[in-house]
Amino acid sequence: MDFQPDPGQDAFREEVRAFLREHLPAELRGNAIGEVRSAREHIKRWQGILNARGWGGPYWAREHGGTDWTVLQRLAFDEECAAAGAPTQDFLAQKLLGPALNAFASQEQRDEHVTRILSGERLWC
């Protein structure tokens, strides 16, 4: 494993910070660090904002509508969102159900659920 710093990582982190400064509405800020799940309406609104930027699936491969970010990029994204007080995402859909759908579901099931997860239209518990 190569533990050398990625020269693009700082630029990526600054891109996330700039996005948060510009697009995270004040009324959605304030999610406490360590809070398990934000309010439903905050999650839905924030997911829509992220999806409009192309960041609706930060943990997913590009072929499934995700960002195809590296592990370090996903970590930086999560850290910067937490530091800015952004709402949580629907972690069950993002990290559990979505990847399972993308790997194992029929095309009909993916068509029914994946775009709705990315847009924030459908939340899971």
N, C-alpha and C. Protein backbone atom coordinates (compact mmCIF):
# COMPACT_ATOMS: atom_id res chain seq x y z
N MET A 1 0.84 -1.17 0.00
CA MET A 1 0.00 0.00 0.00
C MET A 1 0.89 1.24 0.00
N ASP A 2 0.52 2.22 -0.79
CA ASP A 2 1.29 3.45 -0.91
C ASP A 2 0.71 4.51 0.02
N PHE A 3 1.49 4.93 1.01
CA PHE A 3 1.01 5.91 1.96
C PHE A 3 1.50 7.33 1.64
N GLN A 4 1.95 7.53 0.43
CA GLN A 4 2.38 8.86 0.01
C GLN A 4 1.15 9.75 -0.15
N PRO A 5 1.28 11.02 0.23
CA PRO A 5 0.13 11.92 0.09
C PRO A 5 -0.25 12.10 -1.38
N ASP A 6 -1.52 12.20 -1.62
CA ASP A 6 -2.04 12.44 -2.97
C ASP A 6 -2.05 13.95 -3.19
N PRO A 7 -1.31 14.45 -4.16
CA PRO A 7 -1.26 15.89 -4.36
C PRO A 7 -2.61 16.49 -4.75
N GLY A 8 -3.52 15.69 -5.28
CA GLY A 8 -4.84 16.18 -5.65
C GLY A 8 -5.83 16.20 -4.49
N GLN A 9 -5.46 15.58 -3.38
CA GLN A 9 -6.39 15.48 -2.26
C GLN A 9 -6.72 16.84 -1.65
N ASP A 10 -5.73 17.71 -1.50
CA ASP A 10 -5.99 19.04 -0.95
C ASP A 10 -6.91 19.83 -1.87
N ALA A 11 -6.70 19.72 -3.17
CA ALA A 11 -7.56 20.42 -4.13
C ALA A 11 -8.98 19.88 -4.07
N PHE A 12 -9.11 18.57 -3.93
CA PHE A 12 -10.44 17.98 -3.81
C PHE A 12 -11.14 18.48 -2.55
N ARG A 13 -10.42 18.47 -1.45
CA ARG A 13 -11.00 18.92 -0.18
C ARG A 13 -11.46 20.37 -0.29
N GLU A 14 -10.68 21.21 -0.96
CA GLU A 14 -11.06 22.61 -1.15
C GLU A 14 -12.28 22.73 -2.06
N GLU A 15 -12.38 21.86 -3.06
CA GLU A 15 -13.56 21.85 -3.92
C GLU A 15 -14.82 21.54 -3.10
N VAL A 16 -14.72 20.58 -2.19
CA VAL A 16 -15.85 20.23 -1.34
C VAL A 16 -16.20 21.41 -0.43
N ARG A 17 -15.19 22.02 0.18
CA ARG A 17 -15.44 23.17 1.06
C ARG A 17 -16.12 24.31 0.30
N ALA A 18 -15.64 24.60 -0.90
CA ALA A 18 -16.24 25.67 -1.71
C ALA A 18 -17.69 25.34 -2.05
N PHE A 19 -17.95 24.10 -2.40
CA PHE A 19 -19.32 23.67 -2.68
C PHE A 19 -20.21 23.86 -1.45
N LEU A 20 -19.72 23.47 -0.29
CA LEU A 20 -20.50 23.59 0.94
C LEU A 20 -20.77 25.06 1.27
N ARG A 21 -19.78 25.91 1.10
CA ARG A 21 -19.98 27.35 1.36
C ARG A 21 -21.06 27.92 0.46
N GLU A 22 -21.07 27.47 -0.79
CA GLU A 22 -22.00 28.04 -1.77
C GLU A 22 -23.38 27.39 -1.76
N HIS A 23 -23.45 26.11 -1.47
CA HIS A 23 -24.71 25.37 -1.69
C HIS A 23 -25.38 24.80 -0.45
N LEU A 24 -24.73 24.83 0.69
CA LEU A 24 -25.36 24.31 1.90
C LEU A 24 -26.17 25.44 2.54
N PRO A 25 -27.51 25.36 2.45
CA PRO A 25 -28.35 26.43 3.00
C PRO A 25 -28.16 26.57 4.51
N ALA A 26 -28.22 27.80 4.98
CA ALA A 26 -28.03 28.08 6.41
C ALA A 26 -29.01 27.29 7.27
N GLU A 27 -30.24 27.16 6.79
CA GLU A 27 -31.25 26.46 7.60
C GLU A 27 -31.00 24.95 7.70
N LEU A 28 -30.11 24.42 6.87
CA LEU A 28 -29.76 23.00 6.96
C LEU A 28 -28.50 22.78 7.79
N ARG A 29 -27.77 23.84 8.07
CA ARG A 29 -26.52 23.73 8.84
C ARG A 29 -26.83 23.44 10.30
N GLY A 30 -25.85 22.85 10.94
CA GLY A 30 -25.98 22.66 12.38
C GLY A 30 -26.17 21.22 12.78
N ASN A 31 -26.05 20.30 11.83
CA ASN A 31 -26.11 18.89 12.19
C ASN A 31 -24.97 18.60 13.16
N ALA A 32 -25.29 18.15 14.34
CA ALA A 32 -24.26 17.91 15.34
C ALA A 32 -23.36 16.74 14.93
N ILE A 33 -22.07 16.92 15.12
CA ILE A 33 -21.13 15.83 14.84
C ILE A 33 -21.50 14.66 15.73
N GLY A 34 -21.62 13.52 15.16
CA GLY A 34 -21.99 12.33 15.89
C GLY A 34 -23.48 12.04 15.86
N GLU A 35 -24.27 12.98 15.34
CA GLU A 35 -25.71 12.73 15.22
C GLU A 35 -25.90 11.60 14.22
N VAL A 36 -26.72 10.65 14.57
CA VAL A 36 -26.88 9.46 13.74
C VAL A 36 -27.62 9.78 12.45
N ARG A 37 -28.69 10.56 12.54
CA ARG A 37 -29.50 10.81 11.35
C ARG A 37 -30.18 12.16 11.49
N SER A 38 -30.11 12.94 10.45
CA SER A 38 -30.77 14.24 10.42
C SER A 38 -32.27 14.08 10.21
N ALA A 39 -32.97 15.18 10.33
CA ALA A 39 -34.42 15.18 10.09
C ALA A 39 -34.69 14.76 8.64
N ARG A 40 -35.76 14.04 8.46
CA ARG A 40 -36.13 13.50 7.14
C ARG A 40 -36.14 14.57 6.06
N GLU A 41 -36.79 15.68 6.30
CA GLU A 41 -36.87 16.73 5.28
C GLU A 41 -35.50 17.34 4.98
N HIS A 42 -34.63 17.41 5.97
CA HIS A 42 -33.28 17.91 5.73
C HIS A 42 -32.48 16.94 4.86
N ILE A 43 -32.63 15.65 5.16
CA ILE A 43 -31.94 14.64 4.35
C ILE A 43 -32.41 14.73 2.90
N LYS A 44 -33.71 14.78 2.70
CA LYS A 44 -34.25 14.82 1.34
C LYS A 44 -33.78 16.06 0.58
N ARG A 45 -33.83 17.21 1.24
CA ARG A 45 -33.41 18.45 0.57
C ARG A 45 -31.91 18.42 0.26
N TRP A 46 -31.10 18.00 1.22
CA TRP A 46 -29.66 17.95 1.02
C TRP A 46 -29.29 16.94 -0.06
N GLN A 47 -29.95 15.80 -0.08
CA GLN A 47 -29.69 14.80 -1.11
C GLN A 47 -29.99 15.36 -2.49
N GLY A 48 -31.07 16.11 -2.62
CA GLY A 48 -31.38 16.74 -3.90
C GLY A 48 -30.32 17.71 -4.34
N ILE A 49 -29.78 18.48 -3.39
CA ILE A 49 -28.70 19.43 -3.70
C ILE A 49 -27.45 18.68 -4.15
N LEU A 50 -27.09 17.64 -3.41
CA LEU A 50 -25.91 16.84 -3.78
C LEU A 50 -26.09 16.19 -5.15
N ASN A 51 -27.27 15.65 -5.38
CA ASN A 51 -27.53 14.97 -6.65
C ASN A 51 -27.44 15.94 -7.83
N ALA A 52 -27.92 17.17 -7.65
CA ALA A 52 -27.84 18.17 -8.72
C ALA A 52 -26.39 18.47 -9.07
N ARG A 53 -25.48 18.33 -8.12
CA ARG A 53 -24.05 18.55 -8.34
C ARG A 53 -23.37 17.32 -8.92
N GLY A 54 -24.09 16.19 -8.94
CA GLY A 54 -23.48 14.93 -9.39
C GLY A 54 -22.86 14.16 -8.25
N TRP A 55 -23.16 14.57 -7.02
CA TRP A 55 -22.58 13.95 -5.83
C TRP A 55 -23.63 13.17 -5.04
N GLY A 56 -24.70 12.75 -5.68
CA GLY A 56 -25.77 12.03 -4.99
C GLY A 56 -25.36 10.67 -4.48
N GLY A 57 -24.37 10.05 -5.10
CA GLY A 57 -23.89 8.74 -4.67
C GLY A 57 -22.40 8.76 -4.42
N PRO A 58 -21.96 9.43 -3.35
CA PRO A 58 -20.52 9.57 -3.13
C PRO A 58 -19.79 8.26 -2.85
N TYR A 59 -20.52 7.23 -2.51
CA TYR A 59 -19.89 5.94 -2.17
C TYR A 59 -20.06 4.92 -3.29
N TRP A 60 -20.65 5.32 -4.40
CA TRP A 60 -21.00 4.39 -5.47
C TRP A 60 -20.08 4.56 -6.68
N ALA A 61 -20.01 3.50 -7.46
CA ALA A 61 -19.28 3.54 -8.73
C ALA A 61 -20.04 4.41 -9.74
N ARG A 62 -19.31 4.97 -10.66
CA ARG A 62 -19.90 5.85 -11.67
C ARG A 62 -20.99 5.15 -12.48
N GLU A 63 -20.79 3.88 -12.81
CA GLU A 63 -21.78 3.19 -13.65
C GLU A 63 -23.13 3.01 -12.94
N HIS A 64 -23.16 3.27 -11.64
CA HIS A 64 -24.42 3.19 -10.88
C HIS A 64 -24.94 4.57 -10.49
N GLY A 65 -24.38 5.59 -11.09
CA GLY A 65 -24.81 6.95 -10.78
C GLY A 65 -24.00 7.62 -9.69
N GLY A 66 -22.92 6.98 -9.29
CA GLY A 66 -22.09 7.51 -8.21
C GLY A 66 -20.95 8.39 -8.71
N THR A 67 -20.13 8.78 -7.77
CA THR A 67 -19.02 9.69 -8.07
C THR A 67 -17.74 8.96 -8.47
N ASP A 68 -17.62 7.70 -8.08
CA ASP A 68 -16.41 6.92 -8.32
C ASP A 68 -15.22 7.49 -7.56
N TRP A 69 -15.49 8.13 -6.42
CA TRP A 69 -14.41 8.71 -5.62
C TRP A 69 -13.58 7.62 -4.97
N THR A 70 -12.32 7.95 -4.69
CA THR A 70 -11.44 7.06 -3.95
C THR A 70 -11.88 7.03 -2.48
N VAL A 71 -11.33 6.11 -1.73
CA VAL A 71 -11.62 6.04 -0.30
C VAL A 71 -11.22 7.35 0.38
N LEU A 72 -10.07 7.90 0.02
CA LEU A 72 -9.63 9.16 0.64
C LEU A 72 -10.53 10.33 0.26
N GLN A 73 -11.04 10.34 -0.94
CA GLN A 73 -11.98 11.39 -1.33
C GLN A 73 -13.28 11.26 -0.55
N ARG A 74 -13.77 10.05 -0.41
CA ARG A 74 -15.01 9.84 0.37
C ARG A 74 -14.81 10.27 1.81
N LEU A 75 -13.66 9.95 2.38
CA LEU A 75 -13.35 10.36 3.74
C LEU A 75 -13.31 11.88 3.85
N ALA A 76 -12.63 12.54 2.92
CA ALA A 76 -12.57 14.01 2.93
C ALA A 76 -13.96 14.61 2.80
N PHE A 77 -14.77 14.06 1.91
CA PHE A 77 -16.15 14.53 1.73
C PHE A 77 -16.91 14.43 3.05
N ASP A 78 -16.86 13.26 3.69
CA ASP A 78 -17.56 13.06 4.96
C ASP A 78 -17.06 14.02 6.03
N GLU A 79 -15.75 14.19 6.13
CA GLU A 79 -15.18 15.09 7.13
C GLU A 79 -15.60 16.53 6.90
N GLU A 80 -15.56 16.98 5.66
CA GLU A 80 -15.92 18.37 5.36
C GLU A 80 -17.41 18.62 5.57
N CYS A 81 -18.24 17.65 5.21
CA CYS A 81 -19.68 17.80 5.45
C CYS A 81 -19.97 17.87 6.94
N ALA A 82 -19.32 17.03 7.73
CA ALA A 82 -19.52 17.05 9.18
C ALA A 82 -19.04 18.38 9.76
N ALA A 83 -17.88 18.84 9.32
CA ALA A 83 -17.34 20.10 9.84
C ALA A 83 -18.23 21.29 9.50
N ALA A 84 -18.89 21.24 8.36
CA ALA A 84 -19.77 22.33 7.93
C ALA A 84 -21.16 22.22 8.55
N GLY A 85 -21.44 21.12 9.22
CA GLY A 85 -22.75 20.93 9.83
C GLY A 85 -23.81 20.52 8.84
N ALA A 86 -23.40 19.89 7.75
CA ALA A 86 -24.36 19.44 6.73
C ALA A 86 -25.23 18.31 7.29
N PRO A 87 -26.44 18.19 6.77
CA PRO A 87 -27.27 17.05 7.18
C PRO A 87 -26.59 15.74 6.78
N THR A 88 -26.95 14.69 7.48
CA THR A 88 -26.47 13.37 7.09
C THR A 88 -27.16 12.97 5.80
N GLN A 89 -26.56 12.03 5.12
CA GLN A 89 -27.25 11.41 4.00
C GLN A 89 -28.01 10.20 4.54
N ASP A 90 -28.83 9.60 3.72
CA ASP A 90 -29.53 8.38 4.09
C ASP A 90 -28.50 7.24 4.01
N PHE A 91 -27.78 7.05 5.13
CA PHE A 91 -26.67 6.09 5.10
C PHE A 91 -27.12 4.68 4.81
N LEU A 92 -28.35 4.30 5.19
CA LEU A 92 -28.82 2.96 4.88
C LEU A 92 -28.94 2.76 3.38
N ALA A 93 -29.48 3.75 2.69
CA ALA A 93 -29.62 3.65 1.24
C ALA A 93 -28.26 3.80 0.56
N GLN A 94 -27.45 4.72 1.05
CA GLN A 94 -26.16 5.01 0.42
C GLN A 94 -25.15 3.88 0.58
N LYS A 95 -25.07 3.33 1.78
CA LYS A 95 -23.99 2.39 2.08
C LYS A 95 -24.42 0.93 2.18
N LEU A 96 -25.72 0.67 2.30
CA LEU A 96 -26.18 -0.71 2.42
C LEU A 96 -27.09 -1.12 1.26
N LEU A 97 -28.25 -0.53 1.20
CA LEU A 97 -29.23 -0.94 0.20
C LEU A 97 -28.78 -0.62 -1.22
N GLY A 98 -28.32 0.60 -1.45
CA GLY A 98 -27.91 0.99 -2.80
C GLY A 98 -26.86 0.07 -3.40
N PRO A 99 -25.77 -0.18 -2.68
CA PRO A 99 -24.77 -1.11 -3.23
C PRO A 99 -25.33 -2.52 -3.46
N ALA A 100 -26.22 -2.98 -2.59
CA ALA A 100 -26.82 -4.30 -2.79
C ALA A 100 -27.71 -4.30 -4.04
N LEU A 101 -28.50 -3.24 -4.21
CA LEU A 101 -29.32 -3.13 -5.42
C LEU A 101 -28.44 -3.11 -6.66
N ASN A 102 -27.40 -2.29 -6.62
CA ASN A 102 -26.53 -2.16 -7.78
C ASN A 102 -25.83 -3.47 -8.13
N ALA A 103 -25.54 -4.29 -7.14
CA ALA A 103 -24.83 -5.54 -7.39
C ALA A 103 -25.75 -6.71 -7.72
N PHE A 104 -26.94 -6.75 -7.11
CA PHE A 104 -27.73 -7.97 -7.19
C PHE A 104 -29.15 -7.82 -7.72
N ALA A 105 -29.68 -6.62 -7.79
CA ALA A 105 -31.08 -6.44 -8.16
C ALA A 105 -31.29 -6.60 -9.67
N SER A 106 -32.51 -6.88 -10.02
CA SER A 106 -32.88 -6.90 -11.44
C SER A 106 -32.87 -5.48 -11.97
N GLN A 107 -32.84 -5.34 -13.27
CA GLN A 107 -32.88 -4.00 -13.86
C GLN A 107 -34.17 -3.28 -13.46
N GLU A 108 -35.26 -4.00 -13.40
CA GLU A 108 -36.55 -3.42 -13.00
C GLU A 108 -36.47 -2.86 -11.57
N GLN A 109 -35.85 -3.60 -10.66
CA GLN A 109 -35.70 -3.13 -9.28
C GLN A 109 -34.78 -1.91 -9.22
N ARG A 110 -33.68 -1.94 -9.96
CA ARG A 110 -32.78 -0.78 -9.98
C ARG A 110 -33.50 0.44 -10.54
N ASP A 111 -34.24 0.25 -11.62
CA ASP A 111 -34.99 1.36 -12.22
C ASP A 111 -35.98 1.96 -11.22
N GLU A 112 -36.57 1.13 -10.41
CA GLU A 112 -37.56 1.58 -9.43
C GLU A 112 -36.92 2.36 -8.28
N HIS A 113 -35.73 1.97 -7.84
CA HIS A 113 -35.21 2.51 -6.60
C HIS A 113 -33.97 3.40 -6.72
N VAL A 114 -33.04 3.08 -7.57
CA VAL A 114 -31.74 3.76 -7.55
C VAL A 114 -31.86 5.26 -7.81
N THR A 115 -32.56 5.68 -8.84
CA THR A 115 -32.64 7.12 -9.12
C THR A 115 -33.38 7.84 -8.00
N ARG A 116 -34.31 7.18 -7.35
CA ARG A 116 -35.04 7.80 -6.24
C ARG A 116 -34.16 7.93 -4.99
N ILE A 117 -33.23 7.00 -4.80
CA ILE A 117 -32.26 7.12 -3.71
C ILE A 117 -31.34 8.31 -3.98
N LEU A 118 -30.82 8.38 -5.20
CA LEU A 118 -29.88 9.45 -5.54
C LEU A 118 -30.53 10.82 -5.44
N SER A 119 -31.78 10.94 -5.83
CA SER A 119 -32.46 12.24 -5.82
C SER A 119 -32.96 12.64 -4.44
N GLY A 120 -33.04 11.69 -3.51
CA GLY A 120 -33.59 11.96 -2.19
C GLY A 120 -35.09 11.77 -2.12
N GLU A 121 -35.67 11.33 -3.21
CA GLU A 121 -37.12 11.10 -3.24
C GLU A 121 -37.53 9.95 -2.34
N ARG A 122 -36.64 8.98 -2.17
CA ARG A 122 -36.96 7.79 -1.40
C ARG A 122 -35.87 7.56 -0.34
N LEU A 123 -36.31 7.48 0.91
CA LEU A 123 -35.41 7.18 2.03
C LEU A 123 -35.71 5.79 2.54
N TRP A 124 -34.72 5.19 3.20
CA TRP A 124 -34.87 3.81 3.68
C TRP A 124 -34.52 3.71 5.16
N CYS A 125 -35.13 2.73 5.80
CA CYS A 125 -34.79 2.46 7.20
C CYS A 125 -34.79 0.96 7.43
